Amino acid sequence: MPSCRQAGVVKIFMRILAIDLGIKSVGLAISGPLKIPQPLKSISRVNIFGELRSIIDIYSVGLIVIGLPLTLDGEKGEMARNAKKFAAKIEEQFGIKTKLVDERFTSDEAKVILKKKGIKGNKDSISALLILERYLEEESD
């Protein structure tokens, strides 16, 4: 009889944390047990690694997806380099694999979604949700 790991069950139920890394605040979204994404919350950049440790432990996160802020023409600027350094630090500190996902226009999309729904919500966590959705779509192709 195959183990859960052999049958791919572990991968299916692995939770993924998405991060929209802003200058002052950080938007977070999480995939549910069946890879259904949902916005989580926004946190301050102050003590970010302590906050992330708590979230990783609570949700048993197995992968972290980080928004990669490319320029409009797809180039990597200073913010993209910062995102790559942040990803490397997460892998080093928590031992969890990271993936970088193009996050262009997610903030604008988040604003439109919130306005359309008439919600005064957290744009950063909605941006993280969109980053997570992009990652999941890319993985399913």
N, C-alpha and C. Protein backbone atom coordinates (compact mmCIF):
# COMPACT_ATOMS: atom_id res chain seq x y z
N MET A 1 0.85 -1.18 0.00
CA MET A 1 0.00 0.00 0.00
C MET A 1 0.89 1.24 0.00
N PRO A 2 0.68 2.21 -0.94
CA PRO A 2 1.55 3.38 -0.99
C PRO A 2 1.30 4.31 0.20
N SER A 3 2.38 4.96 0.62
CA SER A 3 2.23 5.92 1.71
C SER A 3 1.58 7.19 1.16
N CYS A 4 1.14 8.06 2.06
CA CYS A 4 0.55 9.33 1.62
C CYS A 4 1.53 10.11 0.76
N ARG A 5 2.79 10.10 1.13
CA ARG A 5 3.80 10.83 0.39
C ARG A 5 3.94 10.27 -1.02
N GLN A 6 3.94 8.95 -1.14
CA GLN A 6 4.06 8.31 -2.44
C GLN A 6 2.84 8.60 -3.31
N ALA A 7 1.69 8.68 -2.71
CA ALA A 7 0.47 8.89 -3.47
C ALA A 7 0.26 10.36 -3.84
N GLY A 8 1.15 11.23 -3.40
CA GLY A 8 1.02 12.65 -3.72
C GLY A 8 0.08 13.39 -2.79
N VAL A 9 -0.42 12.74 -1.76
CA VAL A 9 -1.37 13.36 -0.84
C VAL A 9 -0.73 14.52 -0.10
N VAL A 10 0.52 14.36 0.29
CA VAL A 10 1.20 15.44 1.02
C VAL A 10 1.25 16.70 0.17
N LYS A 11 1.58 16.58 -1.09
CA LYS A 11 1.67 17.74 -1.97
C LYS A 11 0.31 18.39 -2.16
N ILE A 12 -0.75 17.59 -2.29
CA ILE A 12 -2.08 18.14 -2.49
C ILE A 12 -2.51 18.97 -1.30
N PHE A 13 -2.23 18.50 -0.10
CA PHE A 13 -2.71 19.17 1.10
C PHE A 13 -1.71 20.18 1.69
N MET A 14 -0.57 20.35 1.04
CA MET A 14 0.43 21.31 1.52
C MET A 14 -0.13 22.73 1.42
N ARG A 15 0.03 23.48 2.47
CA ARG A 15 -0.41 24.89 2.45
C ARG A 15 0.71 25.76 1.88
N ILE A 16 0.28 26.75 1.11
CA ILE A 16 1.21 27.68 0.48
C ILE A 16 0.90 29.07 1.02
N LEU A 17 1.94 29.76 1.47
CA LEU A 17 1.81 31.13 1.95
C LEU A 17 2.29 32.06 0.84
N ALA A 18 1.49 33.06 0.52
CA ALA A 18 1.88 34.06 -0.48
C ALA A 18 2.18 35.37 0.23
N ILE A 19 3.21 36.05 -0.26
CA ILE A 19 3.64 37.30 0.35
C ILE A 19 3.72 38.40 -0.70
N ASP A 20 3.03 39.51 -0.42
CA ASP A 20 3.15 40.73 -1.22
C ASP A 20 4.01 41.67 -0.39
N LEU A 21 5.27 41.74 -0.73
CA LEU A 21 6.26 42.47 0.07
C LEU A 21 6.23 43.96 -0.27
N GLY A 22 5.69 44.75 0.64
CA GLY A 22 5.66 46.19 0.45
C GLY A 22 6.75 46.86 1.25
N ILE A 23 6.88 48.15 1.07
CA ILE A 23 7.91 48.91 1.78
C ILE A 23 7.59 49.01 3.27
N LYS A 24 6.32 49.28 3.60
CA LYS A 24 5.92 49.42 5.00
C LYS A 24 5.15 48.22 5.52
N SER A 25 4.31 47.64 4.67
CA SER A 25 3.51 46.51 5.12
C SER A 25 3.63 45.35 4.14
N VAL A 26 3.21 44.19 4.61
CA VAL A 26 3.34 42.95 3.86
C VAL A 26 1.98 42.26 3.84
N GLY A 27 1.46 42.02 2.64
CA GLY A 27 0.20 41.31 2.51
C GLY A 27 0.44 39.82 2.49
N LEU A 28 -0.46 39.08 3.14
CA LEU A 28 -0.34 37.63 3.20
C LEU A 28 -1.63 36.96 2.74
N ALA A 29 -1.46 35.85 2.05
CA ALA A 29 -2.59 34.99 1.67
C ALA A 29 -2.13 33.56 1.87
N ILE A 30 -3.09 32.67 2.04
CA ILE A 30 -2.75 31.27 2.32
C ILE A 30 -3.65 30.38 1.47
N SER A 31 -3.11 29.26 1.05
CA SER A 31 -3.96 28.28 0.38
C SER A 31 -4.55 27.38 1.44
N GLY A 32 -5.79 27.01 1.23
CA GLY A 32 -6.42 26.05 2.13
C GLY A 32 -5.88 24.67 1.85
N PRO A 33 -6.38 23.69 2.58
CA PRO A 33 -5.87 22.32 2.41
C PRO A 33 -6.03 21.78 0.99
N LEU A 34 -7.00 22.27 0.24
CA LEU A 34 -7.19 21.80 -1.13
C LEU A 34 -6.72 22.83 -2.15
N LYS A 35 -5.76 23.65 -1.75
CA LYS A 35 -5.16 24.69 -2.60
C LYS A 35 -6.16 25.77 -3.00
N ILE A 36 -7.13 26.03 -2.15
CA ILE A 36 -8.07 27.13 -2.39
C ILE A 36 -7.51 28.35 -1.67
N PRO A 37 -7.12 29.39 -2.43
CA PRO A 37 -6.49 30.55 -1.80
C PRO A 37 -7.48 31.47 -1.09
N GLN A 38 -7.00 32.08 -0.02
CA GLN A 38 -7.79 33.07 0.70
C GLN A 38 -6.87 34.13 1.27
N PRO A 39 -7.35 35.38 1.32
CA PRO A 39 -6.52 36.43 1.93
C PRO A 39 -6.37 36.13 3.42
N LEU A 40 -5.22 36.47 3.97
CA LEU A 40 -4.97 36.19 5.38
C LEU A 40 -4.99 37.49 6.18
N LYS A 41 -3.96 38.30 6.01
CA LYS A 41 -3.90 39.58 6.72
C LYS A 41 -2.71 40.37 6.20
N SER A 42 -2.55 41.55 6.73
CA SER A 42 -1.41 42.39 6.43
C SER A 42 -0.62 42.55 7.72
N ILE A 43 0.71 42.52 7.60
CA ILE A 43 1.56 42.70 8.76
C ILE A 43 2.58 43.79 8.48
N SER A 44 3.15 44.30 9.54
CA SER A 44 4.20 45.32 9.43
C SER A 44 5.53 44.66 9.08
N ARG A 45 6.41 45.43 8.48
CA ARG A 45 7.75 44.92 8.19
C ARG A 45 8.56 44.78 9.48
N VAL A 46 8.12 45.45 10.55
CA VAL A 46 8.79 45.34 11.84
C VAL A 46 8.55 43.94 12.39
N ASN A 47 9.59 43.25 12.77
CA ASN A 47 9.53 41.89 13.30
C ASN A 47 8.85 40.91 12.33
N ILE A 48 9.09 41.11 11.05
CA ILE A 48 8.43 40.29 10.03
C ILE A 48 8.77 38.80 10.18
N PHE A 49 10.00 38.49 10.51
CA PHE A 49 10.38 37.08 10.59
C PHE A 49 9.75 36.38 11.80
N GLY A 50 9.53 37.12 12.87
CA GLY A 50 8.80 36.56 14.01
C GLY A 50 7.34 36.27 13.65
N GLU A 51 6.72 37.21 12.95
CA GLU A 51 5.33 37.03 12.50
C GLU A 51 5.23 35.85 11.54
N LEU A 52 6.18 35.78 10.60
CA LEU A 52 6.15 34.69 9.63
C LEU A 52 6.36 33.34 10.31
N ARG A 53 7.24 33.27 11.29
CA ARG A 53 7.47 32.02 12.02
C ARG A 53 6.16 31.52 12.62
N SER A 54 5.42 32.43 13.23
CA SER A 54 4.15 32.07 13.84
C SER A 54 3.16 31.54 12.80
N ILE A 55 3.04 32.23 11.69
CA ILE A 55 2.10 31.82 10.63
C ILE A 55 2.52 30.48 10.03
N ILE A 56 3.81 30.31 9.79
CA ILE A 56 4.33 29.05 9.23
C ILE A 56 3.99 27.90 10.16
N ASP A 57 4.14 28.10 11.46
CA ASP A 57 3.85 27.05 12.44
C ASP A 57 2.34 26.77 12.53
N ILE A 58 1.54 27.82 12.60
CA ILE A 58 0.08 27.65 12.75
C ILE A 58 -0.51 26.91 11.55
N TYR A 59 -0.08 27.30 10.35
CA TYR A 59 -0.68 26.75 9.13
C TYR A 59 0.11 25.59 8.51
N SER A 60 1.21 25.20 9.12
CA SER A 60 2.06 24.15 8.56
C SER A 60 2.40 24.42 7.09
N VAL A 61 2.95 25.58 6.85
CA VAL A 61 3.29 26.03 5.49
C VAL A 61 4.43 25.19 4.93
N GLY A 62 4.26 24.74 3.69
CA GLY A 62 5.27 23.92 3.03
C GLY A 62 5.98 24.63 1.89
N LEU A 63 5.43 25.78 1.46
CA LEU A 63 6.01 26.56 0.36
C LEU A 63 5.61 28.01 0.55
N ILE A 64 6.52 28.92 0.21
CA ILE A 64 6.22 30.35 0.29
C ILE A 64 6.42 30.96 -1.09
N VAL A 65 5.38 31.63 -1.56
CA VAL A 65 5.39 32.30 -2.86
C VAL A 65 5.50 33.80 -2.60
N ILE A 66 6.47 34.42 -3.23
CA ILE A 66 6.74 35.84 -3.00
C ILE A 66 6.57 36.60 -4.31
N GLY A 67 5.86 37.71 -4.23
CA GLY A 67 5.67 38.54 -5.41
C GLY A 67 6.98 39.15 -5.87
N LEU A 68 7.23 39.06 -7.17
CA LEU A 68 8.44 39.62 -7.77
C LEU A 68 8.03 40.87 -8.55
N PRO A 69 8.36 42.04 -8.01
CA PRO A 69 7.94 43.29 -8.65
C PRO A 69 8.84 43.67 -9.84
N LEU A 70 8.50 43.14 -11.00
CA LEU A 70 9.24 43.46 -12.21
C LEU A 70 8.79 44.82 -12.72
N THR A 71 9.64 45.45 -13.52
CA THR A 71 9.25 46.71 -14.15
C THR A 71 8.23 46.42 -15.24
N LEU A 72 7.61 47.46 -15.78
CA LEU A 72 6.60 47.27 -16.81
C LEU A 72 7.11 46.49 -18.02
N ASP A 73 8.39 46.64 -18.32
CA ASP A 73 8.95 45.91 -19.47
C ASP A 73 9.57 44.56 -19.06
N GLY A 74 9.28 44.11 -17.84
CA GLY A 74 9.71 42.79 -17.41
C GLY A 74 11.12 42.71 -16.86
N GLU A 75 11.75 43.83 -16.63
CA GLU A 75 13.12 43.86 -16.09
C GLU A 75 13.09 43.79 -14.56
N LYS A 76 14.22 43.38 -13.99
CA LYS A 76 14.36 43.30 -12.54
C LYS A 76 15.05 44.56 -12.03
N GLY A 77 14.30 45.36 -11.29
CA GLY A 77 14.86 46.57 -10.70
C GLY A 77 15.27 46.32 -9.25
N GLU A 78 15.42 47.40 -8.52
CA GLU A 78 15.85 47.33 -7.12
C GLU A 78 14.85 46.55 -6.25
N MET A 79 13.56 46.78 -6.46
CA MET A 79 12.54 46.08 -5.66
C MET A 79 12.57 44.58 -5.92
N ALA A 80 12.82 44.19 -7.17
CA ALA A 80 12.91 42.76 -7.50
C ALA A 80 14.13 42.14 -6.84
N ARG A 81 15.23 42.86 -6.84
CA ARG A 81 16.43 42.36 -6.16
C ARG A 81 16.18 42.20 -4.67
N ASN A 82 15.44 43.13 -4.08
CA ASN A 82 15.09 43.03 -2.66
C ASN A 82 14.21 41.81 -2.40
N ALA A 83 13.28 41.53 -3.30
CA ALA A 83 12.41 40.36 -3.15
C ALA A 83 13.23 39.06 -3.21
N LYS A 84 14.22 39.03 -4.10
CA LYS A 84 15.07 37.84 -4.22
C LYS A 84 15.90 37.64 -2.94
N LYS A 85 16.42 38.73 -2.38
CA LYS A 85 17.17 38.65 -1.12
C LYS A 85 16.27 38.18 0.02
N PHE A 86 15.05 38.69 0.04
CA PHE A 86 14.08 38.31 1.06
C PHE A 86 13.77 36.81 0.96
N ALA A 87 13.58 36.32 -0.26
CA ALA A 87 13.31 34.89 -0.48
C ALA A 87 14.48 34.04 0.02
N ALA A 88 15.69 34.47 -0.29
CA ALA A 88 16.86 33.72 0.16
C ALA A 88 16.94 33.69 1.68
N LYS A 89 16.60 34.81 2.32
CA LYS A 89 16.64 34.87 3.79
C LYS A 89 15.58 33.96 4.41
N ILE A 90 14.41 33.89 3.78
CA ILE A 90 13.35 33.00 4.28
C ILE A 90 13.82 31.55 4.19
N GLU A 91 14.39 31.17 3.05
CA GLU A 91 14.86 29.80 2.88
C GLU A 91 15.93 29.47 3.92
N GLU A 92 16.82 30.42 4.15
CA GLU A 92 17.90 30.21 5.12
C GLU A 92 17.36 30.11 6.54
N GLN A 93 16.45 31.01 6.89
CA GLN A 93 15.97 31.08 8.27
C GLN A 93 14.96 29.99 8.62
N PHE A 94 14.08 29.62 7.66
CA PHE A 94 13.00 28.69 7.97
C PHE A 94 13.16 27.33 7.29
N GLY A 95 14.08 27.23 6.34
CA GLY A 95 14.26 25.97 5.64
C GLY A 95 13.07 25.59 4.76
N ILE A 96 12.35 26.59 4.29
CA ILE A 96 11.18 26.37 3.43
C ILE A 96 11.49 26.92 2.05
N LYS A 97 11.15 26.15 1.04
CA LYS A 97 11.39 26.55 -0.34
C LYS A 97 10.52 27.76 -0.69
N THR A 98 11.06 28.66 -1.51
CA THR A 98 10.32 29.82 -1.97
C THR A 98 10.26 29.82 -3.50
N LYS A 99 9.24 30.48 -4.01
CA LYS A 99 9.09 30.70 -5.45
C LYS A 99 8.77 32.17 -5.64
N LEU A 100 9.35 32.75 -6.67
CA LEU A 100 9.07 34.14 -7.01
C LEU A 100 8.07 34.17 -8.17
N VAL A 101 7.06 35.02 -8.04
CA VAL A 101 6.00 35.11 -9.04
C VAL A 101 5.82 36.57 -9.45
N ASP A 102 5.76 36.80 -10.75
CA ASP A 102 5.54 38.15 -11.29
C ASP A 102 4.29 38.74 -10.65
N GLU A 103 4.46 39.89 -10.02
CA GLU A 103 3.33 40.51 -9.32
C GLU A 103 2.85 41.79 -10.00
N ARG A 104 3.30 42.03 -11.22
CA ARG A 104 2.88 43.27 -11.89
C ARG A 104 1.37 43.41 -11.91
N PHE A 105 0.90 44.59 -11.57
CA PHE A 105 -0.50 45.01 -11.61
C PHE A 105 -1.38 44.39 -10.52
N THR A 106 -0.83 43.61 -9.60
CA THR A 106 -1.68 43.01 -8.57
C THR A 106 -2.27 44.06 -7.64
N SER A 107 -1.52 45.11 -7.33
CA SER A 107 -2.07 46.16 -6.46
C SER A 107 -3.25 46.86 -7.13
N ASP A 108 -3.11 47.14 -8.42
CA ASP A 108 -4.22 47.77 -9.15
C ASP A 108 -5.42 46.84 -9.22
N GLU A 109 -5.18 45.57 -9.50
CA GLU A 109 -6.26 44.58 -9.54
C GLU A 109 -6.95 44.48 -8.19
N ALA A 110 -6.18 44.51 -7.13
CA ALA A 110 -6.74 44.42 -5.78
C ALA A 110 -7.66 45.60 -5.49
N LYS A 111 -7.24 46.79 -5.89
CA LYS A 111 -8.07 47.99 -5.69
C LYS A 111 -9.39 47.85 -6.44
N VAL A 112 -9.33 47.36 -7.67
CA VAL A 112 -10.54 47.19 -8.48
C VAL A 112 -11.48 46.17 -7.84
N ILE A 113 -10.93 45.07 -7.37
CA ILE A 113 -11.74 44.02 -6.73
C ILE A 113 -12.45 44.58 -5.51
N LEU A 114 -11.72 45.29 -4.66
CA LEU A 114 -12.32 45.84 -3.45
C LEU A 114 -13.40 46.87 -3.77
N LYS A 115 -13.12 47.72 -4.76
CA LYS A 115 -14.09 48.75 -5.15
C LYS A 115 -15.35 48.11 -5.74
N LYS A 116 -15.14 47.12 -6.60
CA LYS A 116 -16.26 46.43 -7.26
C LYS A 116 -17.17 45.75 -6.24
N LYS A 117 -16.58 45.18 -5.21
CA LYS A 117 -17.35 44.48 -4.17
C LYS A 117 -17.86 45.45 -3.10
N GLY A 118 -17.43 46.71 -3.17
CA GLY A 118 -17.86 47.69 -2.18
C GLY A 118 -17.32 47.41 -0.79
N ILE A 119 -16.10 46.85 -0.76
CA ILE A 119 -15.49 46.47 0.51
C ILE A 119 -14.32 47.40 0.81
N LYS A 120 -14.23 47.82 2.04
CA LYS A 120 -13.02 48.53 2.48
C LYS A 120 -12.14 47.47 3.11
N GLY A 121 -11.36 46.83 2.27
CA GLY A 121 -10.56 45.71 2.75
C GLY A 121 -9.08 46.00 2.68
N ASN A 122 -8.35 44.97 2.91
CA ASN A 122 -6.91 45.05 2.95
C ASN A 122 -6.34 44.78 1.56
N LYS A 123 -5.93 45.84 0.87
CA LYS A 123 -5.40 45.73 -0.48
C LYS A 123 -4.17 44.83 -0.52
N ASP A 124 -3.34 44.88 0.52
CA ASP A 124 -2.11 44.09 0.52
C ASP A 124 -2.39 42.59 0.55
N SER A 125 -3.37 42.17 1.36
CA SER A 125 -3.67 40.74 1.43
C SER A 125 -4.38 40.27 0.16
N ILE A 126 -5.14 41.15 -0.48
CA ILE A 126 -5.78 40.80 -1.76
C ILE A 126 -4.70 40.69 -2.84
N SER A 127 -3.71 41.56 -2.80
CA SER A 127 -2.58 41.45 -3.74
C SER A 127 -1.86 40.12 -3.55
N ALA A 128 -1.65 39.73 -2.30
CA ALA A 128 -1.01 38.44 -2.02
C ALA A 128 -1.88 37.29 -2.54
N LEU A 129 -3.19 37.42 -2.41
CA LEU A 129 -4.11 36.41 -2.93
C LEU A 129 -3.94 36.28 -4.45
N LEU A 130 -3.83 37.40 -5.14
CA LEU A 130 -3.66 37.38 -6.60
C LEU A 130 -2.33 36.75 -6.99
N ILE A 131 -1.30 37.01 -6.21
CA ILE A 131 0.02 36.38 -6.45
C ILE A 131 -0.11 34.86 -6.29
N LEU A 132 -0.81 34.44 -5.25
CA LEU A 132 -1.01 33.01 -5.01
C LEU A 132 -1.82 32.37 -6.14
N GLU A 133 -2.87 33.06 -6.59
CA GLU A 133 -3.67 32.54 -7.70
C GLU A 133 -2.82 32.39 -8.96
N ARG A 134 -1.97 33.37 -9.24
CA ARG A 134 -1.08 33.27 -10.41
C ARG A 134 -0.17 32.06 -10.30
N TYR A 135 0.39 31.86 -9.13
CA TYR A 135 1.28 30.72 -8.93
C TYR A 135 0.52 29.40 -9.16
N LEU A 136 -0.66 29.28 -8.58
CA LEU A 136 -1.44 28.05 -8.71
C LEU A 136 -1.85 27.80 -10.17
N GLU A 137 -2.17 28.88 -10.89
CA GLU A 137 -2.50 28.74 -12.32
C GLU A 137 -1.30 28.27 -13.12
N GLU A 138 -0.13 28.85 -12.83
CA GLU A 138 1.10 28.45 -13.54
C GLU A 138 1.43 26.98 -13.27
N GLU A 139 1.21 26.54 -12.04
CA GLU A 139 1.51 25.16 -11.65
C GLU A 139 0.56 24.16 -12.29
N SER A 140 -0.67 24.61 -12.57
CA SER A 140 -1.64 23.67 -13.13
C SER A 140 -1.51 23.52 -14.65
N ASP A 141 -0.78 24.42 -15.28
CA ASP A 141 -0.60 24.34 -16.74
C ASP A 141 0.28 23.19 -17.15
